[in-house]
Amino acid sequence: MVAYSYLFLIAVKFQFINTGKPHDDALKKAIDDFTNRINNYYKAEWIIIPPVKNAAALSPNILKTTEAQVLLSKINKNDFLILLDETGKQLTSTELANFIEQKAIASARSIIFLIGGAYGVSDEIKQRANFTWSLSKLVFPHMIVRLILAEQFYRACTILRNEKYHHK
């Protein structure tokens, strides 16, 4: 990590987008806490896309296609899209911090972390993604993924600033 590179990260906007229900009350406090901490470093926001109406009556493929239309409307062509999916590449916390720094230095002004719906995402979203990241080979409930994402992103912030939160 280069010391001056932190200045480039200040202008970057980070969005965490998820299709599904609002934050669960049991996890909301922790997610909000980490998000508030992140906002001490960079502008970050959660965008929760409400579930598709009559989702239970739709086939998984139709549901993913319908969700994709809404999700893609939230993503600009110049946004750097990171798809969270169990088939993606796994990163250590330090690798995540370095990855974020590299993308910000490469002039990405908006970096989006996308958590798909209950059945994953459509092929169109997978093709649009600039990077696919796996938190684990395990599948987690979306609320847990939100918390892990918020905590790991905060951890990456502290790694980039060489603060004491992360221990090697």
N, C-alpha and C. Protein backbone atom coordinates (compact mmCIF):
# COMPACT_ATOMS: atom_id res chain seq x y z
N MET A 1 0.83 -1.19 0.00
CA MET A 1 0.00 0.00 0.00
C MET A 1 0.87 1.24 0.00
N VAL A 2 0.48 2.19 -0.80
CA VAL A 2 1.21 3.44 -0.91
C VAL A 2 0.52 4.48 -0.03
N ALA A 3 1.28 5.21 0.73
CA ALA A 3 0.72 6.14 1.70
C ALA A 3 -0.17 7.20 1.06
N TYR A 4 0.22 7.71 -0.11
CA TYR A 4 -0.57 8.77 -0.72
C TYR A 4 -1.88 8.26 -1.31
N SER A 5 -2.01 6.98 -1.52
CA SER A 5 -3.19 6.45 -2.21
C SER A 5 -4.47 6.66 -1.42
N TYR A 6 -4.40 6.85 -0.13
CA TYR A 6 -5.60 7.09 0.67
C TYR A 6 -6.35 8.32 0.16
N LEU A 7 -5.61 9.31 -0.33
CA LEU A 7 -6.25 10.52 -0.84
C LEU A 7 -7.17 10.23 -2.01
N PHE A 8 -6.81 9.26 -2.85
CA PHE A 8 -7.64 8.89 -3.98
C PHE A 8 -8.94 8.24 -3.52
N LEU A 9 -8.90 7.55 -2.43
CA LEU A 9 -10.07 6.82 -1.95
C LEU A 9 -11.15 7.74 -1.39
N ILE A 10 -10.78 8.93 -0.99
CA ILE A 10 -11.75 9.85 -0.40
C ILE A 10 -12.89 10.15 -1.37
N ALA A 11 -12.59 10.31 -2.65
CA ALA A 11 -13.59 10.69 -3.64
C ALA A 11 -14.47 9.51 -4.08
N VAL A 12 -14.10 8.32 -3.74
CA VAL A 12 -14.85 7.14 -4.16
C VAL A 12 -16.11 6.99 -3.31
N LYS A 13 -17.20 6.65 -3.98
CA LYS A 13 -18.46 6.39 -3.28
C LYS A 13 -18.68 4.87 -3.30
N PHE A 14 -19.04 4.33 -2.17
CA PHE A 14 -19.30 2.90 -2.06
C PHE A 14 -20.77 2.67 -1.79
N GLN A 15 -21.35 1.72 -2.51
CA GLN A 15 -22.74 1.35 -2.28
C GLN A 15 -22.80 -0.15 -2.03
N PHE A 16 -23.67 -0.52 -1.11
CA PHE A 16 -23.94 -1.92 -0.82
C PHE A 16 -25.40 -2.14 -1.21
N ILE A 17 -25.62 -2.92 -2.25
CA ILE A 17 -26.97 -3.13 -2.77
C ILE A 17 -27.39 -4.57 -2.51
N ASN A 18 -28.62 -4.72 -2.04
CA ASN A 18 -29.15 -6.06 -1.76
C ASN A 18 -30.63 -6.09 -2.08
N THR A 19 -31.05 -7.20 -2.69
CA THR A 19 -32.48 -7.45 -2.91
C THR A 19 -32.97 -8.23 -1.70
N GLY A 20 -34.07 -7.80 -1.12
CA GLY A 20 -34.62 -8.55 0.00
C GLY A 20 -35.28 -7.65 1.02
N LYS A 21 -35.52 -8.24 2.15
CA LYS A 21 -36.19 -7.53 3.23
C LYS A 21 -35.24 -6.52 3.87
N PRO A 22 -35.79 -5.52 4.56
CA PRO A 22 -34.93 -4.57 5.27
C PRO A 22 -34.07 -5.30 6.31
N HIS A 23 -33.08 -4.58 6.82
CA HIS A 23 -32.21 -5.17 7.84
C HIS A 23 -33.05 -5.76 8.97
N ASP A 24 -32.71 -6.96 9.38
CA ASP A 24 -33.33 -7.61 10.52
C ASP A 24 -32.99 -6.81 11.77
N ASP A 25 -33.97 -6.60 12.65
CA ASP A 25 -33.74 -5.79 13.85
C ASP A 25 -32.58 -6.33 14.70
N ALA A 26 -32.44 -7.65 14.74
CA ALA A 26 -31.38 -8.24 15.56
C ALA A 26 -29.99 -7.90 15.03
N LEU A 27 -29.86 -7.69 13.70
CA LEU A 27 -28.56 -7.39 13.10
C LEU A 27 -28.40 -5.92 12.70
N LYS A 28 -29.52 -5.20 12.64
CA LYS A 28 -29.50 -3.82 12.15
C LYS A 28 -28.54 -2.94 12.93
N LYS A 29 -28.54 -3.07 14.23
CA LYS A 29 -27.66 -2.23 15.06
C LYS A 29 -26.19 -2.44 14.68
N ALA A 30 -25.79 -3.68 14.51
CA ALA A 30 -24.40 -3.97 14.17
C ALA A 30 -24.07 -3.49 12.75
N ILE A 31 -24.97 -3.72 11.80
CA ILE A 31 -24.75 -3.26 10.42
C ILE A 31 -24.64 -1.75 10.39
N ASP A 32 -25.55 -1.07 11.10
CA ASP A 32 -25.51 0.40 11.15
C ASP A 32 -24.24 0.90 11.82
N ASP A 33 -23.79 0.21 12.86
CA ASP A 33 -22.57 0.61 13.55
C ASP A 33 -21.38 0.56 12.60
N PHE A 34 -21.22 -0.56 11.89
CA PHE A 34 -20.09 -0.67 10.95
C PHE A 34 -20.22 0.32 9.80
N THR A 35 -21.45 0.54 9.32
CA THR A 35 -21.65 1.49 8.23
C THR A 35 -21.30 2.91 8.68
N ASN A 36 -21.68 3.27 9.89
CA ASN A 36 -21.31 4.58 10.44
C ASN A 36 -19.79 4.71 10.58
N ARG A 37 -19.14 3.64 10.99
CA ARG A 37 -17.69 3.66 11.09
C ARG A 37 -17.06 3.85 9.71
N ILE A 38 -17.59 3.15 8.70
CA ILE A 38 -17.08 3.28 7.33
C ILE A 38 -17.21 4.72 6.87
N ASN A 39 -18.32 5.36 7.22
CA ASN A 39 -18.55 6.74 6.79
C ASN A 39 -17.58 7.73 7.41
N ASN A 40 -16.81 7.31 8.39
CA ASN A 40 -15.72 8.15 8.89
C ASN A 40 -14.55 8.18 7.91
N TYR A 41 -14.52 7.23 6.99
CA TYR A 41 -13.46 7.12 6.00
C TYR A 41 -13.94 7.53 4.60
N TYR A 42 -15.06 6.97 4.18
CA TYR A 42 -15.59 7.14 2.83
C TYR A 42 -17.11 7.22 2.89
N LYS A 43 -17.69 7.79 1.83
CA LYS A 43 -19.14 7.80 1.73
C LYS A 43 -19.60 6.39 1.35
N ALA A 44 -20.46 5.84 2.20
CA ALA A 44 -20.99 4.49 1.96
C ALA A 44 -22.47 4.48 2.30
N GLU A 45 -23.23 3.75 1.51
CA GLU A 45 -24.66 3.65 1.78
C GLU A 45 -25.19 2.28 1.39
N TRP A 46 -26.25 1.89 2.07
CA TRP A 46 -26.97 0.65 1.77
C TRP A 46 -28.18 1.00 0.92
N ILE A 47 -28.40 0.22 -0.12
CA ILE A 47 -29.61 0.32 -0.92
C ILE A 47 -30.26 -1.05 -0.87
N ILE A 48 -31.39 -1.13 -0.21
CA ILE A 48 -32.12 -2.39 -0.08
C ILE A 48 -33.29 -2.34 -1.06
N ILE A 49 -33.26 -3.22 -2.03
CA ILE A 49 -34.32 -3.30 -3.04
C ILE A 49 -35.40 -4.23 -2.49
N PRO A 50 -36.63 -3.74 -2.35
CA PRO A 50 -37.70 -4.60 -1.81
C PRO A 50 -37.90 -5.84 -2.67
N PRO A 51 -38.34 -6.93 -2.05
CA PRO A 51 -38.60 -8.15 -2.82
C PRO A 51 -39.63 -7.89 -3.92
N VAL A 52 -39.50 -8.63 -5.01
CA VAL A 52 -40.45 -8.55 -6.12
C VAL A 52 -41.82 -9.02 -5.63
N LYS A 53 -42.86 -8.31 -6.06
CA LYS A 53 -44.22 -8.71 -5.69
C LYS A 53 -44.51 -10.11 -6.23
N ASN A 54 -45.20 -10.89 -5.43
CA ASN A 54 -45.57 -12.27 -5.79
C ASN A 54 -44.35 -13.14 -6.11
N ALA A 55 -43.24 -12.87 -5.45
CA ALA A 55 -42.00 -13.60 -5.72
C ALA A 55 -42.18 -15.11 -5.54
N ALA A 56 -42.96 -15.53 -4.56
CA ALA A 56 -43.15 -16.95 -4.30
C ALA A 56 -43.85 -17.66 -5.46
N ALA A 57 -44.60 -16.91 -6.24
CA ALA A 57 -45.33 -17.51 -7.37
C ALA A 57 -44.49 -17.58 -8.64
N LEU A 58 -43.31 -16.96 -8.63
CA LEU A 58 -42.46 -16.93 -9.82
C LEU A 58 -41.43 -18.04 -9.79
N SER A 59 -41.06 -18.52 -10.96
CA SER A 59 -39.97 -19.51 -11.04
C SER A 59 -38.67 -18.79 -10.68
N PRO A 60 -37.66 -19.53 -10.22
CA PRO A 60 -36.39 -18.88 -9.88
C PRO A 60 -35.80 -18.07 -11.05
N ASN A 61 -35.89 -18.59 -12.27
CA ASN A 61 -35.33 -17.86 -13.41
C ASN A 61 -36.07 -16.56 -13.70
N ILE A 62 -37.40 -16.59 -13.62
CA ILE A 62 -38.19 -15.36 -13.85
C ILE A 62 -37.91 -14.37 -12.73
N LEU A 63 -37.81 -14.87 -11.51
CA LEU A 63 -37.52 -14.00 -10.37
C LEU A 63 -36.16 -13.33 -10.56
N LYS A 64 -35.14 -14.07 -10.92
CA LYS A 64 -33.80 -13.50 -11.12
C LYS A 64 -33.80 -12.47 -12.25
N THR A 65 -34.54 -12.75 -13.31
CA THR A 65 -34.62 -11.82 -14.44
C THR A 65 -35.33 -10.53 -14.02
N THR A 66 -36.40 -10.66 -13.25
CA THR A 66 -37.14 -9.50 -12.77
C THR A 66 -36.28 -8.67 -11.82
N GLU A 67 -35.59 -9.35 -10.90
CA GLU A 67 -34.69 -8.64 -9.98
C GLU A 67 -33.57 -7.95 -10.74
N ALA A 68 -33.06 -8.59 -11.79
CA ALA A 68 -31.97 -8.01 -12.57
C ALA A 68 -32.36 -6.68 -13.18
N GLN A 69 -33.59 -6.57 -13.67
CA GLN A 69 -34.05 -5.30 -14.26
C GLN A 69 -33.97 -4.17 -13.24
N VAL A 70 -34.41 -4.45 -12.04
CA VAL A 70 -34.37 -3.42 -10.98
C VAL A 70 -32.93 -3.12 -10.58
N LEU A 71 -32.14 -4.17 -10.38
CA LEU A 71 -30.75 -3.97 -9.96
C LEU A 71 -29.95 -3.20 -11.00
N LEU A 72 -30.09 -3.57 -12.26
CA LEU A 72 -29.32 -2.90 -13.31
C LEU A 72 -29.71 -1.44 -13.45
N SER A 73 -30.93 -1.09 -13.07
CA SER A 73 -31.34 0.31 -13.12
C SER A 73 -30.63 1.15 -12.06
N LYS A 74 -30.06 0.51 -11.05
CA LYS A 74 -29.35 1.20 -9.97
C LYS A 74 -27.85 1.32 -10.26
N ILE A 75 -27.39 0.69 -11.34
CA ILE A 75 -25.96 0.61 -11.63
C ILE A 75 -25.66 1.38 -12.91
N ASN A 76 -24.73 2.31 -12.83
CA ASN A 76 -24.30 3.07 -14.01
C ASN A 76 -23.23 2.30 -14.77
N LYS A 77 -23.05 2.63 -16.02
CA LYS A 77 -22.09 1.89 -16.85
C LYS A 77 -20.66 2.03 -16.35
N ASN A 78 -20.33 3.13 -15.69
CA ASN A 78 -18.96 3.35 -15.20
C ASN A 78 -18.74 2.85 -13.78
N ASP A 79 -19.80 2.37 -13.12
CA ASP A 79 -19.64 1.83 -11.77
C ASP A 79 -18.84 0.54 -11.82
N PHE A 80 -18.02 0.34 -10.81
CA PHE A 80 -17.29 -0.92 -10.69
C PHE A 80 -18.15 -1.84 -9.83
N LEU A 81 -18.62 -2.92 -10.42
CA LEU A 81 -19.56 -3.81 -9.74
C LEU A 81 -18.87 -5.06 -9.21
N ILE A 82 -18.98 -5.24 -7.89
CA ILE A 82 -18.46 -6.44 -7.23
C ILE A 82 -19.66 -7.27 -6.80
N LEU A 83 -19.79 -8.43 -7.38
CA LEU A 83 -20.88 -9.35 -7.08
C LEU A 83 -20.43 -10.30 -5.98
N LEU A 84 -21.21 -10.39 -4.91
CA LEU A 84 -20.93 -11.38 -3.87
C LEU A 84 -21.64 -12.66 -4.25
N ASP A 85 -20.88 -13.74 -4.39
CA ASP A 85 -21.42 -15.02 -4.83
C ASP A 85 -20.47 -16.11 -4.36
N GLU A 86 -21.03 -17.23 -3.91
CA GLU A 86 -20.18 -18.30 -3.38
C GLU A 86 -19.24 -18.90 -4.43
N THR A 87 -19.47 -18.62 -5.71
CA THR A 87 -18.60 -19.15 -6.77
C THR A 87 -17.45 -18.19 -7.09
N GLY A 88 -17.40 -17.05 -6.42
CA GLY A 88 -16.38 -16.05 -6.71
C GLY A 88 -15.04 -16.37 -6.07
N LYS A 89 -14.13 -15.43 -6.22
CA LYS A 89 -12.78 -15.57 -5.67
C LYS A 89 -12.79 -15.17 -4.20
N GLN A 90 -12.15 -15.98 -3.38
CA GLN A 90 -12.04 -15.66 -1.96
C GLN A 90 -10.81 -14.78 -1.74
N LEU A 91 -10.95 -13.81 -0.84
CA LEU A 91 -9.88 -12.88 -0.52
C LEU A 91 -9.66 -12.84 0.99
N THR A 92 -8.43 -12.62 1.39
CA THR A 92 -8.17 -12.33 2.80
C THR A 92 -8.58 -10.88 3.05
N SER A 93 -8.63 -10.48 4.29
CA SER A 93 -8.99 -9.10 4.61
C SER A 93 -7.98 -8.12 4.02
N THR A 94 -6.71 -8.46 4.08
CA THR A 94 -5.67 -7.60 3.52
C THR A 94 -5.78 -7.54 1.99
N GLU A 95 -6.07 -8.67 1.38
CA GLU A 95 -6.26 -8.68 -0.08
C GLU A 95 -7.47 -7.83 -0.47
N LEU A 96 -8.54 -7.87 0.32
CA LEU A 96 -9.71 -7.04 0.05
C LEU A 96 -9.33 -5.56 0.14
N ALA A 97 -8.60 -5.19 1.17
CA ALA A 97 -8.18 -3.79 1.32
C ALA A 97 -7.35 -3.35 0.12
N ASN A 98 -6.39 -4.18 -0.29
CA ASN A 98 -5.55 -3.85 -1.44
C ASN A 98 -6.37 -3.76 -2.72
N PHE A 99 -7.33 -4.66 -2.87
CA PHE A 99 -8.21 -4.68 -4.05
C PHE A 99 -9.01 -3.38 -4.12
N ILE A 100 -9.60 -2.97 -3.02
CA ILE A 100 -10.37 -1.72 -2.97
C ILE A 100 -9.47 -0.54 -3.33
N GLU A 101 -8.29 -0.52 -2.75
CA GLU A 101 -7.35 0.56 -3.03
C GLU A 101 -6.99 0.61 -4.51
N GLN A 102 -6.69 -0.54 -5.10
CA GLN A 102 -6.33 -0.59 -6.53
C GLN A 102 -7.46 -0.08 -7.41
N LYS A 103 -8.69 -0.48 -7.11
CA LYS A 103 -9.82 -0.05 -7.93
C LYS A 103 -10.07 1.44 -7.78
N ALA A 104 -9.89 1.96 -6.60
CA ALA A 104 -10.09 3.39 -6.38
C ALA A 104 -9.02 4.20 -7.10
N ILE A 105 -7.79 3.74 -7.06
CA ILE A 105 -6.69 4.43 -7.73
C ILE A 105 -6.89 4.38 -9.25
N ALA A 106 -7.51 3.31 -9.73
CA ALA A 106 -7.76 3.15 -11.17
C ALA A 106 -8.94 4.00 -11.63
N SER A 107 -9.33 4.96 -10.83
CA SER A 107 -10.36 5.94 -11.17
C SER A 107 -11.79 5.44 -11.07
N ALA A 108 -12.04 4.37 -10.37
CA ALA A 108 -13.43 3.98 -10.12
C ALA A 108 -14.01 4.98 -9.12
N ARG A 109 -15.03 5.71 -9.51
CA ARG A 109 -15.62 6.71 -8.62
C ARG A 109 -16.78 6.15 -7.82
N SER A 110 -17.35 5.06 -8.30
CA SER A 110 -18.42 4.41 -7.57
C SER A 110 -18.18 2.91 -7.61
N ILE A 111 -18.05 2.34 -6.45
CA ILE A 111 -17.82 0.90 -6.33
C ILE A 111 -19.04 0.31 -5.63
N ILE A 112 -19.65 -0.66 -6.27
CA ILE A 112 -20.88 -1.26 -5.75
C ILE A 112 -20.61 -2.70 -5.38
N PHE A 113 -21.03 -3.06 -4.16
CA PHE A 113 -21.02 -4.45 -3.71
C PHE A 113 -22.47 -4.92 -3.80
N LEU A 114 -22.71 -5.97 -4.58
CA LEU A 114 -24.06 -6.45 -4.82
C LEU A 114 -24.28 -7.83 -4.23
N ILE A 115 -25.30 -7.93 -3.38
CA ILE A 115 -25.74 -9.20 -2.82
C ILE A 115 -27.03 -9.54 -3.55
N GLY A 116 -27.05 -10.65 -4.24
CA GLY A 116 -28.22 -11.03 -5.04
C GLY A 116 -29.38 -11.52 -4.18
N GLY A 117 -30.41 -11.96 -4.87
CA GLY A 117 -31.62 -12.44 -4.21
C GLY A 117 -31.47 -13.86 -3.70
N ALA A 118 -32.57 -14.42 -3.24
CA ALA A 118 -32.58 -15.75 -2.63
C ALA A 118 -32.07 -16.84 -3.58
N TYR A 119 -32.27 -16.66 -4.88
CA TYR A 119 -31.83 -17.66 -5.86
C TYR A 119 -30.58 -17.22 -6.60
N GLY A 120 -29.90 -16.20 -6.08
CA GLY A 120 -28.72 -15.69 -6.75
C GLY A 120 -29.10 -14.60 -7.73
N VAL A 121 -28.29 -14.43 -8.76
CA VAL A 121 -28.53 -13.39 -9.75
C VAL A 121 -28.59 -13.98 -11.15
N SER A 122 -29.13 -13.21 -12.06
CA SER A 122 -29.25 -13.64 -13.46
C SER A 122 -27.87 -13.66 -14.12
N ASP A 123 -27.81 -14.35 -15.25
CA ASP A 123 -26.57 -14.36 -16.03
C ASP A 123 -26.19 -12.95 -16.49
N GLU A 124 -27.20 -12.11 -16.73
CA GLU A 124 -26.94 -10.74 -17.15
C GLU A 124 -26.16 -9.98 -16.06
N ILE A 125 -26.53 -10.17 -14.82
CA ILE A 125 -25.80 -9.53 -13.71
C ILE A 125 -24.40 -10.13 -13.60
N LYS A 126 -24.30 -11.44 -13.72
CA LYS A 126 -22.97 -12.07 -13.65
C LYS A 126 -22.05 -11.54 -14.73
N GLN A 127 -22.59 -11.33 -15.93
CA GLN A 127 -21.78 -10.79 -17.02
C GLN A 127 -21.41 -9.33 -16.80
N ARG A 128 -22.31 -8.58 -16.17
CA ARG A 128 -22.05 -7.16 -15.90
C ARG A 128 -21.01 -6.97 -14.80
N ALA A 129 -20.93 -7.92 -13.89
CA ALA A 129 -20.01 -7.79 -12.75
C ALA A 129 -18.57 -7.65 -13.23
N ASN A 130 -17.85 -6.73 -12.62
CA ASN A 130 -16.44 -6.56 -12.91
C ASN A 130 -15.59 -7.53 -12.11
N PHE A 131 -16.14 -8.00 -10.99
CA PHE A 131 -15.43 -8.95 -10.13
C PHE A 131 -16.47 -9.71 -9.32
N THR A 132 -16.22 -11.00 -9.13
CA THR A 132 -17.10 -11.81 -8.29
C THR A 132 -16.31 -12.28 -7.09
N TRP A 133 -16.83 -11.94 -5.92
CA TRP A 133 -16.14 -12.19 -4.65
C TRP A 133 -16.96 -13.17 -3.83
N SER A 134 -16.27 -14.14 -3.25
CA SER A 134 -16.91 -15.11 -2.36
C SER A 134 -16.43 -14.87 -0.94
N LEU A 135 -17.38 -14.70 -0.03
CA LEU A 135 -17.03 -14.61 1.38
C LEU A 135 -16.63 -15.98 1.91
N SER A 136 -17.20 -17.03 1.31
CA SER A 136 -16.99 -18.40 1.76
C SER A 136 -17.61 -19.33 0.74
N LYS A 137 -17.23 -20.59 0.78
CA LYS A 137 -17.91 -21.59 -0.05
C LYS A 137 -19.27 -21.94 0.56
N LEU A 138 -19.48 -21.54 1.79
CA LEU A 138 -20.77 -21.76 2.45
C LEU A 138 -21.77 -20.72 1.96
N VAL A 139 -23.04 -21.03 2.08
CA VAL A 139 -24.10 -20.08 1.75
C VAL A 139 -24.64 -19.54 3.07
N PHE A 140 -24.77 -18.21 3.15
CA PHE A 140 -25.25 -17.55 4.36
C PHE A 140 -26.57 -16.84 4.10
N PRO A 141 -27.38 -16.64 5.13
CA PRO A 141 -28.57 -15.80 4.97
C PRO A 141 -28.12 -14.38 4.61
N HIS A 142 -28.96 -13.69 3.85
CA HIS A 142 -28.60 -12.36 3.37
C HIS A 142 -28.28 -11.38 4.50
N MET A 143 -29.01 -11.49 5.60
CA MET A 143 -28.76 -10.58 6.71
C MET A 143 -27.36 -10.77 7.28
N ILE A 144 -26.92 -12.02 7.35
CA ILE A 144 -25.57 -12.32 7.85
C ILE A 144 -24.53 -11.80 6.86
N VAL A 145 -24.80 -11.95 5.56
CA VAL A 145 -23.88 -11.45 4.53
C VAL A 145 -23.74 -9.94 4.66
N ARG A 146 -24.84 -9.25 4.91
CA ARG A 146 -24.77 -7.79 5.09
C ARG A 146 -23.85 -7.43 6.24
N LEU A 147 -23.99 -8.14 7.35
CA LEU A 147 -23.14 -7.85 8.51
C LEU A 147 -21.68 -8.17 8.21
N ILE A 148 -21.42 -9.31 7.61
CA ILE A 148 -20.04 -9.68 7.28
C ILE A 148 -19.44 -8.66 6.32
N LEU A 149 -20.20 -8.27 5.30
CA LEU A 149 -19.72 -7.29 4.33
C LEU A 149 -19.39 -5.97 5.01
N ALA A 150 -20.28 -5.48 5.85
CA ALA A 150 -20.04 -4.21 6.54
C ALA A 150 -18.80 -4.30 7.42
N GLU A 151 -18.66 -5.39 8.16
CA GLU A 151 -17.50 -5.53 9.04
C GLU A 151 -16.21 -5.65 8.24
N GLN A 152 -16.21 -6.45 7.18
CA GLN A 152 -14.99 -6.64 6.39
C GLN A 152 -14.60 -5.37 5.65
N PHE A 153 -15.60 -4.61 5.21
CA PHE A 153 -15.29 -3.35 4.55
C PHE A 153 -14.69 -2.37 5.56
N TYR A 154 -15.26 -2.32 6.74
CA TYR A 154 -14.67 -1.46 7.79
C TYR A 154 -13.24 -1.92 8.10
N ARG A 155 -13.04 -3.21 8.19
CA ARG A 155 -11.71 -3.76 8.45
C ARG A 155 -10.74 -3.31 7.34
N ALA A 156 -11.19 -3.36 6.09
CA ALA A 156 -10.35 -2.92 4.97
C ALA A 156 -9.97 -1.44 5.13
N CYS A 157 -10.92 -0.63 5.57
CA CYS A 157 -10.65 0.79 5.81
C CYS A 157 -9.52 0.97 6.82
N THR A 158 -9.59 0.20 7.89
CA THR A 158 -8.57 0.35 8.93
C THR A 158 -7.22 -0.20 8.47
N ILE A 159 -7.24 -1.23 7.63
CA ILE A 159 -5.99 -1.76 7.08
C ILE A 159 -5.33 -0.70 6.21
N LEU A 160 -6.13 -0.05 5.35
CA LEU A 160 -5.59 0.98 4.47
C LEU A 160 -5.02 2.16 5.23
N ARG A 161 -5.58 2.44 6.40
CA ARG A 161 -5.09 3.55 7.23
C ARG A 161 -4.05 3.10 8.24
N ASN A 162 -3.72 1.81 8.20
CA ASN A 162 -2.73 1.24 9.12
C ASN A 162 -3.13 1.44 10.58
N GLU A 163 -4.42 1.27 10.86
CA GLU A 163 -4.93 1.40 12.21
C GLU A 163 -4.94 0.03 12.90
N LYS A 164 -5.18 0.01 14.19
CA LYS A 164 -4.98 -1.19 15.01
C LYS A 164 -6.13 -2.19 15.03
N TYR A 165 -7.21 -1.97 14.32
CA TYR A 165 -8.37 -2.87 14.36
C TYR A 165 -8.02 -4.27 13.88
N HIS A 166 -7.27 -4.36 12.79
CA HIS A 166 -6.91 -5.65 12.19
C HIS A 166 -5.58 -6.14 12.74
N HIS A 167 -5.56 -7.38 13.15
CA HIS A 167 -4.32 -7.99 13.66
C HIS A 167 -3.89 -9.07 12.70
N LYS A 168 -2.63 -9.05 12.31
CA LYS A 168 -2.11 -10.05 11.37
C LYS A 168 -1.70 -11.30 12.09
